[in-house]
Protein backbone atom coordinates (compact mmCIF):
# COMPACT_ATOMS: atom_id res chain seq x y z
CA MET A 1 0.00 0.00 0.00
CA SER A 2 1.40 3.43 -0.91
CA LEU A 3 1.70 6.36 1.45
CA GLY A 4 -1.14 8.22 -0.22
CA GLN A 5 -3.40 5.16 0.16
CA GLY A 6 -3.09 4.99 3.92
CA SER A 7 0.08 3.49 5.39
CA ILE A 8 3.02 5.00 7.23
CA GLY A 9 5.81 2.59 8.04
CA SER A 10 4.27 -0.21 10.09
CA PHE A 11 1.06 1.70 10.86
CA THR A 12 -2.23 0.83 9.12
CA GLY A 13 -5.91 1.58 9.46
CA ASP A 14 -7.20 4.05 12.05
CA GLU A 15 -3.71 4.42 13.56
CA THR A 16 -2.37 5.55 10.22
CA VAL A 17 -5.14 8.13 9.84
CA PHE A 18 -4.48 9.52 13.31
CA TYR A 19 -0.75 9.98 12.78
CA ALA A 20 -0.99 11.20 9.16
CA GLN A 21 -3.52 13.94 9.82
CA THR A 22 -1.96 17.41 10.06
CA LYS A 23 -4.16 18.44 12.93
CA GLN A 24 -2.66 21.85 13.71
CA MET A 25 -1.28 24.65 11.58
CA ASN A 26 1.90 24.71 13.64
CA GLN A 27 2.26 21.02 12.76
CA PHE A 28 1.92 21.93 9.09
CA PHE A 29 4.94 24.24 9.40
CA LEU A 30 6.98 21.59 11.19
CA ARG A 31 6.18 18.85 8.66
CA PHE A 32 6.82 21.20 5.77
CA ASN A 33 10.31 21.77 7.18
CA ALA A 34 10.84 18.10 8.16
CA GLU A 35 11.07 19.06 11.83
CA GLU A 36 8.40 16.55 12.95
CA ASP A 37 7.83 12.94 11.88
CA PHE A 38 4.62 11.07 11.10
CA LYS A 39 4.18 10.08 14.75
CA GLY A 40 4.40 13.67 15.96
CA LYS A 41 7.97 13.38 17.24
CA ARG A 42 9.66 16.78 17.13
CA TYR A 43 13.18 17.08 15.74
CA TYR A 44 15.52 19.88 16.85
CA PRO A 45 18.72 21.22 15.21
CA GLY A 46 21.58 18.72 15.59
CA GLU A 47 19.32 15.71 16.00
CA ASN A 48 19.12 12.86 13.47
CA GLY A 49 16.08 13.38 11.30
CA TYR A 50 16.07 17.18 11.55
CA ARG A 51 15.25 18.53 8.07
CA ASP A 52 16.24 15.17 6.58
CA LEU A 53 15.87 15.42 2.79
CA LYS A 54 14.51 11.89 2.23
CA ASN A 55 11.88 12.24 4.92
CA ARG A 56 11.06 15.79 3.92
CA LYS A 57 9.96 14.64 0.46
CA LYS A 58 7.50 12.22 2.08
CA TYR A 59 6.20 14.88 4.43
CA LEU A 60 5.70 17.43 1.66
CA ASN A 61 3.78 14.94 -0.45
CA ILE A 62 1.19 14.34 2.25
CA LEU A 63 0.63 18.06 2.81
CA PHE A 64 -1.39 18.46 -0.38
CA ASP A 65 -5.14 18.08 -0.79
CA ASN A 66 -5.27 15.14 -3.21
CA SER A 67 -8.78 16.06 -4.32
CA SER A 68 -7.89 19.62 -5.32
CA PRO A 69 -8.89 20.31 -8.97
CA VAL A 70 -6.34 23.15 -9.25
CA ILE A 71 -3.16 21.30 -8.24
CA ASN A 72 -1.85 18.86 -10.86
CA SER A 73 0.96 16.35 -10.26
CA ASP A 74 3.44 18.26 -12.49
CA LEU A 75 2.96 21.52 -10.61
CA LYS A 76 3.27 19.72 -7.27
CA PHE A 77 6.48 17.94 -8.43
CA VAL A 78 8.15 21.21 -9.54
CA PHE A 79 7.17 22.95 -6.30
CA ILE A 80 8.61 20.16 -4.09
CA GLU A 81 11.80 20.01 -6.15
CA GLU A 82 12.39 23.75 -5.82
CA VAL A 83 11.58 23.79 -2.11
CA MET A 84 14.05 20.94 -1.53
CA ASN A 85 16.86 22.43 -3.63
CA LYS A 86 20.03 21.13 -1.97
CA LYS A 87 21.95 24.37 -2.48
CA ASN A 88 19.16 26.65 -1.34
CA PRO A 89 16.29 24.78 0.37
CA VAL A 90 13.26 26.82 1.43
CA TYR A 91 11.73 26.54 4.90
CA LEU A 92 8.66 28.17 6.37
CA ASP A 93 8.95 30.39 9.43
CA PHE A 94 5.89 30.76 11.65
CA GLN A 95 7.24 33.96 13.20
CA LYS A 96 8.19 35.84 10.02
CA PRO A 97 6.06 37.91 7.62
CA GLY A 98 4.85 36.42 4.33
CA TRP A 99 1.73 34.61 5.53
CA PHE A 100 -1.59 35.53 7.09
CA ALA A 101 -4.92 34.05 8.17
CA GLU A 102 -8.25 34.66 6.50
CA VAL A 103 -11.21 34.15 8.86
CA THR A 104 -14.79 34.27 7.64
CA ALA A 105 -17.26 34.90 10.45
CA THR A 106 -20.95 35.65 11.02
CA PHE A 107 -21.84 38.96 12.66
CA LEU A 108 -25.05 40.75 13.43
CA TYR A 109 -25.10 44.10 11.67
CA LYS A 110 -28.02 46.16 12.90
CA ARG A 111 -29.82 42.87 13.72
CA GLU A 112 -29.16 41.34 10.31
CA LYS A 113 -26.86 38.32 9.95
CA VAL A 114 -23.90 39.10 7.66
CA ASN A 115 -20.59 37.52 6.73
CA ILE A 116 -17.35 39.47 7.23
CA ILE A 117 -13.86 38.37 6.21
CA MET A 118 -11.11 39.26 8.68
CA TYR A 119 -7.40 39.14 7.93
CA LEU A 120 -4.91 38.54 10.74
CA LYS A 121 -1.11 38.58 10.87
CA ILE A 122 1.48 37.44 13.40
CA GLU A 123 3.28 40.35 15.06
CA LYS A 124 6.17 40.37 17.51
CA GLN A 125 5.63 42.09 20.83
CA ASN A 126 7.47 42.05 24.18
CA GLY A 127 9.61 39.08 23.23
CA GLY A 128 6.61 37.03 22.08
CA TYR A 129 4.17 36.86 19.19
CA LYS A 130 0.47 37.43 18.80
CA TRP A 131 -2.20 37.61 16.09
CA MET A 132 -3.35 41.08 15.08
CA PHE A 133 -6.11 42.29 12.74
CA SER A 134 -4.64 43.73 9.53
CA ASN A 135 -7.79 44.30 7.49
CA VAL A 136 -11.40 43.25 6.95
CA TYR A 137 -13.78 42.91 4.03
CA PHE A 138 -17.48 43.62 4.36
CA ASN A 139 -19.55 44.25 1.23
CA LYS A 140 -21.70 46.82 3.05
CA PHE A 141 -18.63 48.94 3.71
CA GLU A 142 -17.51 48.62 0.12
CA SER A 143 -20.91 49.79 -1.14
CA TRP A 144 -20.39 53.09 0.65
CA PHE A 145 -17.45 53.92 -1.64
CA THR A 146 -18.60 52.81 -5.11
CA HIS A 147 -18.07 56.28 -6.58
CA VAL A 148 -14.51 56.81 -5.38
CA ASN A 149 -12.28 57.89 -8.29
CA ASP A 150 -15.26 58.25 -10.61
CA THR A 151 -13.46 60.63 -12.96
CA ALA A 152 -16.22 60.37 -15.57
CA ASN A 153 -18.68 62.12 -13.25
CA LEU A 154 -19.35 65.75 -14.20
CA LYS A 155 -22.30 66.47 -11.89
CA TYR A 156 -20.86 66.05 -8.41
CA PHE A 157 -17.89 68.31 -7.72
CA ILE A 158 -16.81 71.23 -5.57
CA HIS A 159 -16.29 74.28 -7.73
CA PRO A 160 -12.62 75.31 -7.97
CA MET A 161 -13.43 78.88 -6.84
CA SER A 162 -15.30 77.70 -3.70
CA HIS A 163 -12.49 79.00 -1.47
CA GLU A 164 -13.36 82.56 -2.48
CA LEU A 165 -16.79 82.04 -0.96
CA ASP A 166 -15.39 80.46 2.24
CA PHE A 167 -16.72 77.13 0.99
CA MET A 168 -20.28 78.24 1.67
CA ASN A 169 -21.47 75.75 -0.97
CA LEU A 170 -20.51 72.77 1.19
CA HIS A 171 -23.97 72.73 2.74
CA LYS A 172 -25.34 71.40 -0.59
CA ILE A 173 -23.01 68.42 -0.45
CA PHE A 174 -23.89 67.47 3.12
CA ARG A 175 -27.59 67.44 2.25
CA GLU A 176 -26.92 64.20 0.32
CA PRO A 177 -24.50 62.16 2.48
CA GLU A 178 -25.08 59.03 0.32
CA LYS A 179 -23.15 60.83 -2.47
CA MET A 180 -20.24 61.92 -0.27
CA ASP A 181 -17.86 59.43 -1.89
CA TYR A 182 -18.01 61.42 -5.14
CA TYR A 183 -16.07 64.21 -3.45
CA LEU A 184 -13.16 62.25 -2.05
CA GLU A 185 -9.67 62.84 -3.40
CA ASN A 186 -8.37 60.79 -6.32
CA ASN A 187 -6.78 57.46 -5.33
CA TYR A 188 -8.49 57.55 -1.93
CA THR A 189 -8.53 54.10 -0.29
CA PRO A 190 -11.19 53.48 2.38
CA ASP A 191 -9.90 52.16 5.68
CA MET A 192 -12.19 49.15 6.12
CA LEU A 193 -10.54 48.16 9.40
CA ALA A 194 -11.28 51.56 10.90
CA LEU A 195 -14.92 51.30 9.85
CA PHE A 196 -15.08 47.80 11.36
CA VAL A 197 -13.75 49.02 14.69
CA MET A 198 -16.07 52.02 14.66
CA GLU A 199 -19.18 49.95 13.99
CA LEU A 200 -18.19 47.48 16.75
CA LYS A 201 -17.67 50.33 19.24
CA ASN A 202 -20.96 51.96 18.24
CA GLY A 203 -22.81 48.69 18.87
CA ASN A 204 -23.89 48.22 15.25
CA LEU A 205 -21.79 45.07 14.84
CA SER A 206 -21.68 42.05 17.15
CA PHE A 207 -19.79 38.81 16.68
CA VAL A 208 -21.70 35.54 16.30
CA GLU A 209 -19.33 32.76 15.20
CA VAL A 210 -16.40 31.76 13.03
CA ASN A 211 -17.43 29.92 9.86
CA SER A 212 -14.10 29.05 8.23
CA VAL A 213 -10.37 29.65 8.43
CA LYS A 214 -7.66 29.40 5.80
CA PHE A 215 -4.12 30.61 5.42
CA HIS A 216 -2.29 32.35 2.57
CA ILE A 217 1.44 31.72 2.36
CA PHE A 218 3.90 33.83 0.33
CA GLN A 219 7.20 32.79 1.95
CA VAL A 220 8.40 30.50 -0.86
CA PRO A 221 10.14 32.50 -3.66
CA ASN A 222 8.12 32.45 -6.90
CA TRP A 223 5.23 30.54 -5.30
CA TYR A 224 1.97 31.23 -3.51
CA PHE A 225 -0.16 28.60 -1.81
CA GLU A 226 -3.27 28.39 0.29
CA VAL A 227 -3.78 26.05 3.24
CA SER A 228 -7.30 24.90 4.24
CA TYR A 229 -8.67 22.39 6.72
CA PHE A 230 -10.23 19.13 5.49
CA ASN A 231 -12.16 16.99 7.95
CA ARG A 232 -11.95 13.53 6.35
CA ASN A 233 -11.50 10.03 7.81
CA ASP A 234 -8.36 9.22 5.83
CA VAL A 235 -4.69 10.12 5.77
CA ASN A 236 -5.28 13.01 3.39
CA SER A 237 -6.92 15.25 5.97
CA GLY A 238 -6.28 18.13 8.32
CA TRP A 239 -4.43 21.28 7.21
CA LEU A 240 -3.47 20.79 3.58
CA ILE A 241 -2.34 22.83 0.58
CA SER A 242 -5.56 23.49 -1.34
CA ASN A 243 -4.29 25.92 -3.95
CA LEU A 244 -0.84 26.39 -5.53
CA LEU A 245 0.32 28.98 -8.01
CA ARG A 246 3.68 29.72 -9.58
CA VAL A 247 4.00 33.52 -9.50
CA THR A 248 6.49 36.32 -9.91
CA GLU A 249 7.13 38.70 -7.07
CA THR A 250 5.05 41.33 -8.91
CA GLU A 251 2.16 38.90 -9.19
CA LYS A 252 2.48 38.17 -5.49
CA LYS A 253 1.80 41.81 -4.75
CA ALA A 254 -1.28 41.70 -6.96
CA LEU A 255 -2.49 38.54 -5.20
CA LEU A 256 -1.93 40.17 -1.85
CA ARG A 257 -4.12 43.11 -2.90
CA HIS A 258 -6.74 40.70 -4.23
CA TYR A 259 -6.96 38.58 -1.08
CA THR A 260 -6.70 41.35 1.48
CA HIS A 261 -8.45 44.15 -0.46
CA VAL A 262 -5.52 46.43 0.33
CA ASN A 263 -4.23 48.73 -2.42
């Protein structure tokens, strides 16, 4: 029986499933780096087995979602070969930038159930590390700024000589607050996180529950991949690579903007 079919060394059946599952994200990092074996034994620098190339190839192969329609065997092979390059191997670092969490949760917004996406990053503080909010996405907030940078609009503007009248014409603008976004400066980017905090503090938003969590990882040069959780009763379960793209550093920046809605 092959590794992908459900055996690890002398283990079979339910025991194999238990050991093969990548049950924690920290465990994903350790197995990616070959710093933990299939039984959960941790290896430290200087110990036999630590970042062992032969074992690492096995570990990397079980960290992919085998049912993913977007990851073919050729792409997976090239990725593993580049990560394991003997002259310049690539390892993930839990404590360094280049990865973040995407958490989709249900909130009550003015008594209506809504979904909000929250982005969190690891930050160093006082000799330790903690998760911090870096941005959010809520379609209601986005709808408030649909006219930002609408250069084709000729109706809504503040006359260039308004300063000579002490901006007395501003009262016309504030009569229609729903059109306020027409008057914002070019290239203005709304601060969604600030709006999120404000609505929470004003009592308009209240947390209900987390619906899903996934991670976006940019630490491997020329690659981006996504890690999601799969609850299955087989060895191919737990935290696994669910999406993999070969990208340039410029494309990484575009992906980062796409996933976090940050310009």
